[in-house]
Amino acid sequence: RAQWPRLAAATALGLLVLWLWPYYDFFALFTAGGGLEEVHRALYDHFAGRYWLVLLGVAALAARWRRDRWDPLVLFFALGALVCAAGFVSGHYSWGRALPAALIPAQLAAAL
């Protein structure tokens, strides 16, 4: 398919940007230790109470997904939600920092 090379190029570009990011070493987060987990545990506290409004965006994303299974907002939301859910299940609460990857596409879908 013609989409796979573009997806690979976009992934490579994203990794390059993370590697060159001037403000902090993104990849050092993988070896930050256990202290990072406890600080981010609060991202998952009262989850439904904090993030219930995102359901409006999820409804908009569902409509977009029915029209186009490769919709970028839908894919971005799905990957962000998957990372956050994996962080909760595995106890790696720092993965909750990926929450904007799920919330922002939902907000954009609701706005569009």
N, C-alpha and C. Protein backbone atom coordinates (compact mmCIF):
# COMPACT_ATOMS: atom_id res chain seq x y z
N ARG A 1 0.83 -1.19 0.00
CA ARG A 1 0.00 0.00 0.00
C ARG A 1 0.87 1.25 0.00
N ALA A 2 0.33 2.29 -0.56
CA ALA A 2 1.06 3.55 -0.64
C ALA A 2 1.13 4.25 0.71
N GLN A 3 0.29 3.88 1.64
CA GLN A 3 0.25 4.57 2.94
C GLN A 3 1.38 4.15 3.86
N TRP A 4 1.87 2.93 3.74
CA TRP A 4 2.90 2.44 4.65
C TRP A 4 4.20 3.22 4.55
N PRO A 5 4.69 3.55 3.36
CA PRO A 5 5.92 4.36 3.30
C PRO A 5 5.73 5.75 3.92
N ARG A 6 4.56 6.34 3.73
CA ARG A 6 4.31 7.65 4.34
C ARG A 6 4.23 7.54 5.85
N LEU A 7 3.61 6.48 6.34
CA LEU A 7 3.53 6.28 7.79
C LEU A 7 4.92 6.06 8.38
N ALA A 8 5.75 5.28 7.69
CA ALA A 8 7.13 5.05 8.15
C ALA A 8 7.93 6.35 8.13
N ALA A 9 7.76 7.15 7.09
CA ALA A 9 8.48 8.43 7.01
C ALA A 9 8.03 9.38 8.12
N ALA A 10 6.74 9.42 8.40
CA ALA A 10 6.23 10.28 9.47
C ALA A 10 6.74 9.83 10.83
N THR A 11 6.80 8.52 11.03
CA THR A 11 7.33 7.99 12.30
C THR A 11 8.81 8.33 12.44
N ALA A 12 9.56 8.16 11.38
CA ALA A 12 10.99 8.49 11.41
C ALA A 12 11.20 9.98 11.68
N LEU A 13 10.40 10.81 11.05
CA LEU A 13 10.50 12.25 11.27
C LEU A 13 10.17 12.61 12.72
N GLY A 14 9.13 11.99 13.26
CA GLY A 14 8.77 12.23 14.66
C GLY A 14 9.88 11.83 15.61
N LEU A 15 10.50 10.69 15.37
CA LEU A 15 11.61 10.24 16.22
C LEU A 15 12.81 11.17 16.09
N LEU A 16 13.06 11.66 14.89
CA LEU A 16 14.16 12.59 14.68
C LEU A 16 13.92 13.89 15.45
N VAL A 17 12.70 14.40 15.41
CA VAL A 17 12.38 15.62 16.15
C VAL A 17 12.58 15.39 17.64
N LEU A 18 12.14 14.24 18.15
CA LEU A 18 12.35 13.94 19.57
C LEU A 18 13.83 13.85 19.92
N TRP A 19 14.61 13.29 19.03
CA TRP A 19 16.04 13.14 19.28
C TRP A 19 16.75 14.50 19.28
N LEU A 20 16.30 15.41 18.41
CA LEU A 20 16.93 16.73 18.29
C LEU A 20 16.31 17.77 19.22
N TRP A 21 15.29 17.41 19.96
CA TRP A 21 14.56 18.38 20.79
C TRP A 21 15.52 19.09 21.74
N PRO A 22 15.57 20.43 21.71
CA PRO A 22 16.61 21.14 22.47
C PRO A 22 16.33 21.32 23.97
N TYR A 23 15.11 21.15 24.41
CA TYR A 23 14.78 21.50 25.80
C TYR A 23 15.11 20.40 26.80
N TYR A 24 14.93 19.18 26.44
CA TYR A 24 15.29 18.08 27.33
C TYR A 24 15.44 16.81 26.51
N ASP A 25 16.11 15.84 27.10
CA ASP A 25 16.34 14.56 26.42
C ASP A 25 15.11 13.68 26.60
N PHE A 26 14.29 13.60 25.59
CA PHE A 26 13.06 12.81 25.66
C PHE A 26 13.35 11.35 26.00
N PHE A 27 14.35 10.78 25.38
CA PHE A 27 14.63 9.35 25.55
C PHE A 27 15.19 9.03 26.93
N ALA A 28 15.66 10.05 27.67
CA ALA A 28 16.11 9.83 29.05
C ALA A 28 14.94 9.50 29.96
N LEU A 29 13.73 9.83 29.53
CA LEU A 29 12.55 9.50 30.34
C LEU A 29 12.38 8.00 30.51
N PHE A 30 12.89 7.22 29.57
CA PHE A 30 12.75 5.77 29.66
C PHE A 30 13.60 5.17 30.78
N THR A 31 14.62 5.90 31.21
CA THR A 31 15.49 5.40 32.27
C THR A 31 15.44 6.29 33.51
N ALA A 32 14.35 7.03 33.69
CA ALA A 32 14.26 8.00 34.78
C ALA A 32 14.09 7.36 36.14
N GLY A 33 13.67 6.13 36.20
CA GLY A 33 13.52 5.45 37.49
C GLY A 33 12.10 5.52 38.01
N GLY A 34 11.91 4.91 39.17
CA GLY A 34 10.57 4.78 39.74
C GLY A 34 9.98 6.06 40.28
N GLY A 35 10.80 7.06 40.60
CA GLY A 35 10.28 8.31 41.13
C GLY A 35 9.37 9.02 40.16
N LEU A 36 9.60 8.82 38.90
CA LEU A 36 8.78 9.46 37.88
C LEU A 36 7.36 8.90 37.86
N GLU A 37 7.21 7.66 38.24
CA GLU A 37 5.89 7.03 38.20
C GLU A 37 4.95 7.62 39.24
N GLU A 38 5.43 7.79 40.45
CA GLU A 38 4.56 8.26 41.53
C GLU A 38 4.11 9.70 41.31
N VAL A 39 4.96 10.51 40.73
CA VAL A 39 4.61 11.90 40.45
C VAL A 39 3.43 11.97 39.48
N HIS A 40 3.38 11.05 38.53
CA HIS A 40 2.36 11.09 37.50
C HIS A 40 1.11 10.28 37.83
N ARG A 41 1.09 9.65 38.98
CA ARG A 41 -0.08 8.86 39.38
C ARG A 41 -1.34 9.72 39.43
N ALA A 42 -1.19 10.99 39.78
CA ALA A 42 -2.33 11.90 39.89
C ALA A 42 -3.07 12.07 38.56
N LEU A 43 -2.40 11.82 37.45
CA LEU A 43 -3.07 11.93 36.15
C LEU A 43 -4.22 10.94 36.02
N TYR A 44 -4.15 9.85 36.77
CA TYR A 44 -5.17 8.81 36.68
C TYR A 44 -6.19 8.88 37.81
N ASP A 45 -5.98 9.76 38.80
CA ASP A 45 -6.93 9.89 39.90
C ASP A 45 -8.20 10.57 39.41
N HIS A 46 -9.35 10.05 39.82
CA HIS A 46 -10.66 10.62 39.45
C HIS A 46 -10.75 10.83 37.93
N PHE A 47 -10.33 9.83 37.19
CA PHE A 47 -10.20 9.93 35.74
C PHE A 47 -11.52 10.30 35.07
N ALA A 48 -12.59 9.59 35.41
CA ALA A 48 -13.88 9.85 34.77
C ALA A 48 -14.39 11.24 35.12
N GLY A 49 -14.17 11.67 36.34
CA GLY A 49 -14.63 13.00 36.76
C GLY A 49 -13.88 14.13 36.08
N ARG A 50 -12.64 13.91 35.76
CA ARG A 50 -11.84 14.95 35.12
C ARG A 50 -12.02 15.01 33.61
N TYR A 51 -12.17 13.85 33.01
CA TYR A 51 -12.09 13.79 31.54
C TYR A 51 -13.39 13.36 30.87
N TRP A 52 -14.51 13.45 31.56
CA TRP A 52 -15.77 12.97 30.99
C TRP A 52 -16.18 13.77 29.75
N LEU A 53 -15.79 15.03 29.70
CA LEU A 53 -16.20 15.88 28.59
C LEU A 53 -15.56 15.44 27.26
N VAL A 54 -14.50 14.67 27.33
CA VAL A 54 -13.86 14.18 26.11
C VAL A 54 -14.78 13.24 25.34
N LEU A 55 -15.83 12.75 25.99
CA LEU A 55 -16.77 11.86 25.31
C LEU A 55 -17.46 12.55 24.14
N LEU A 56 -17.63 13.87 24.20
CA LEU A 56 -18.16 14.60 23.05
C LEU A 56 -17.22 14.46 21.85
N GLY A 57 -15.94 14.58 22.11
CA GLY A 57 -14.96 14.40 21.05
C GLY A 57 -14.89 12.97 20.56
N VAL A 58 -15.08 12.02 21.47
CA VAL A 58 -15.06 10.61 21.07
C VAL A 58 -16.22 10.32 20.12
N ALA A 59 -17.38 10.93 20.38
CA ALA A 59 -18.52 10.76 19.47
C ALA A 59 -18.19 11.34 18.09
N ALA A 60 -17.55 12.49 18.06
CA ALA A 60 -17.14 13.09 16.78
C ALA A 60 -16.09 12.22 16.09
N LEU A 61 -15.19 11.65 16.87
CA LEU A 61 -14.18 10.76 16.29
C LEU A 61 -14.81 9.50 15.73
N ALA A 62 -15.84 8.99 16.39
CA ALA A 62 -16.53 7.80 15.88
C ALA A 62 -17.14 8.08 14.51
N ALA A 63 -17.73 9.26 14.36
CA ALA A 63 -18.31 9.63 13.06
C ALA A 63 -17.22 9.74 12.00
N ARG A 64 -16.10 10.32 12.37
CA ARG A 64 -14.99 10.43 11.42
C ARG A 64 -14.45 9.06 11.05
N TRP A 65 -14.39 8.15 12.02
CA TRP A 65 -13.87 6.80 11.79
C TRP A 65 -14.78 6.02 10.84
N ARG A 66 -16.09 6.24 10.95
CA ARG A 66 -17.02 5.56 10.03
C ARG A 66 -16.81 6.03 8.59
N ARG A 67 -16.46 7.30 8.42
CA ARG A 67 -16.21 7.82 7.08
C ARG A 67 -14.87 7.39 6.51
N ASP A 68 -13.84 7.37 7.39
CA ASP A 68 -12.48 7.08 6.92
C ASP A 68 -11.72 6.35 8.03
N ARG A 69 -11.43 5.10 7.81
CA ARG A 69 -10.75 4.28 8.83
C ARG A 69 -9.30 4.74 9.08
N TRP A 70 -8.74 5.52 8.18
CA TRP A 70 -7.37 6.00 8.32
C TRP A 70 -7.33 7.49 8.69
N ASP A 71 -8.40 8.00 9.25
CA ASP A 71 -8.45 9.40 9.64
C ASP A 71 -7.34 9.70 10.64
N PRO A 72 -6.51 10.71 10.39
CA PRO A 72 -5.37 10.97 11.28
C PRO A 72 -5.77 11.30 12.72
N LEU A 73 -6.86 12.04 12.91
CA LEU A 73 -7.29 12.35 14.27
C LEU A 73 -7.70 11.10 15.03
N VAL A 74 -8.39 10.20 14.34
CA VAL A 74 -8.83 8.96 14.97
C VAL A 74 -7.63 8.10 15.35
N LEU A 75 -6.68 7.97 14.44
CA LEU A 75 -5.49 7.17 14.72
C LEU A 75 -4.66 7.77 15.86
N PHE A 76 -4.51 9.08 15.85
CA PHE A 76 -3.75 9.76 16.89
C PHE A 76 -4.42 9.56 18.25
N PHE A 77 -5.74 9.71 18.29
CA PHE A 77 -6.48 9.49 19.53
C PHE A 77 -6.33 8.05 20.01
N ALA A 78 -6.48 7.11 19.09
CA ALA A 78 -6.41 5.70 19.47
C ALA A 78 -5.04 5.34 20.05
N LEU A 79 -3.99 5.83 19.43
CA LEU A 79 -2.65 5.54 19.94
C LEU A 79 -2.41 6.21 21.29
N GLY A 80 -2.85 7.45 21.44
CA GLY A 80 -2.70 8.13 22.72
C GLY A 80 -3.47 7.44 23.83
N ALA A 81 -4.70 7.04 23.53
CA ALA A 81 -5.52 6.34 24.53
C ALA A 81 -4.91 4.99 24.87
N LEU A 82 -4.36 4.32 23.88
CA LEU A 82 -3.73 3.02 24.12
C LEU A 82 -2.52 3.15 25.04
N VAL A 83 -1.69 4.15 24.82
CA VAL A 83 -0.52 4.37 25.67
C VAL A 83 -0.95 4.70 27.10
N CYS A 84 -1.96 5.56 27.24
CA CYS A 84 -2.44 5.92 28.59
C CYS A 84 -3.04 4.71 29.30
N ALA A 85 -3.82 3.92 28.59
CA ALA A 85 -4.41 2.73 29.20
C ALA A 85 -3.33 1.73 29.59
N ALA A 86 -2.33 1.56 28.73
CA ALA A 86 -1.23 0.65 29.06
C ALA A 86 -0.47 1.13 30.28
N GLY A 87 -0.31 2.44 30.42
CA GLY A 87 0.36 2.99 31.59
C GLY A 87 -0.41 2.72 32.87
N PHE A 88 -1.73 2.82 32.80
CA PHE A 88 -2.55 2.55 33.98
C PHE A 88 -2.49 1.07 34.36
N VAL A 89 -2.65 0.21 33.36
CA VAL A 89 -2.68 -1.24 33.62
C VAL A 89 -1.32 -1.73 34.13
N SER A 90 -0.25 -1.20 33.56
CA SER A 90 1.08 -1.69 33.92
C SER A 90 1.68 -0.98 35.14
N GLY A 91 1.05 0.09 35.59
CA GLY A 91 1.59 0.84 36.72
C GLY A 91 2.67 1.83 36.32
N HIS A 92 2.88 2.02 35.03
CA HIS A 92 3.82 3.03 34.54
C HIS A 92 3.05 4.33 34.35
N TYR A 93 2.79 5.01 35.46
CA TYR A 93 1.92 6.18 35.44
C TYR A 93 2.51 7.34 34.65
N SER A 94 3.80 7.35 34.44
CA SER A 94 4.40 8.41 33.63
C SER A 94 3.91 8.36 32.19
N TRP A 95 3.41 7.22 31.77
CA TRP A 95 2.86 7.13 30.42
C TRP A 95 1.60 7.97 30.28
N GLY A 96 1.06 8.42 31.39
CA GLY A 96 -0.08 9.32 31.36
C GLY A 96 0.26 10.66 30.73
N ARG A 97 1.55 10.93 30.58
CA ARG A 97 1.95 12.15 29.89
C ARG A 97 1.52 12.13 28.43
N ALA A 98 1.13 10.97 27.94
CA ALA A 98 0.63 10.86 26.56
C ALA A 98 -0.85 11.23 26.48
N LEU A 99 -1.44 11.60 27.60
CA LEU A 99 -2.86 11.94 27.61
C LEU A 99 -3.24 13.04 26.62
N PRO A 100 -2.44 14.09 26.44
CA PRO A 100 -2.79 15.08 25.42
C PRO A 100 -2.89 14.49 24.01
N ALA A 101 -2.19 13.39 23.75
CA ALA A 101 -2.28 12.74 22.44
C ALA A 101 -3.67 12.16 22.22
N ALA A 102 -4.41 11.92 23.28
CA ALA A 102 -5.78 11.45 23.15
C ALA A 102 -6.78 12.60 23.26
N LEU A 103 -6.51 13.56 24.14
CA LEU A 103 -7.47 14.63 24.38
C LEU A 103 -7.52 15.65 23.24
N ILE A 104 -6.38 16.04 22.72
CA ILE A 104 -6.36 17.08 21.69
C ILE A 104 -7.03 16.63 20.40
N PRO A 105 -6.79 15.42 19.88
CA PRO A 105 -7.53 15.01 18.68
C PRO A 105 -9.04 14.95 18.92
N ALA A 106 -9.46 14.56 20.12
CA ALA A 106 -10.89 14.52 20.42
C ALA A 106 -11.46 15.94 20.42
N GLN A 107 -10.74 16.89 20.98
CA GLN A 107 -11.20 18.28 20.99
C GLN A 107 -11.27 18.83 19.57
N LEU A 108 -10.26 18.53 18.77
CA LEU A 108 -10.27 19.00 17.38
C LEU A 108 -11.43 18.39 16.60
N ALA A 109 -11.68 17.10 16.81
CA ALA A 109 -12.79 16.45 16.10
C ALA A 109 -14.12 17.06 16.50
N ALA A 110 -14.28 17.40 17.77
CA ALA A 110 -15.53 18.03 18.21
C ALA A 110 -15.67 19.43 17.61
N ALA A 111 -14.55 20.13 17.45
CA ALA A 111 -14.59 21.48 16.90
C ALA A 111 -14.84 21.50 15.40
N LEU A 112 -14.35 20.47 14.72
CA LEU A 112 -14.49 20.43 13.26
C LEU A 112 -15.80 19.79 12.89
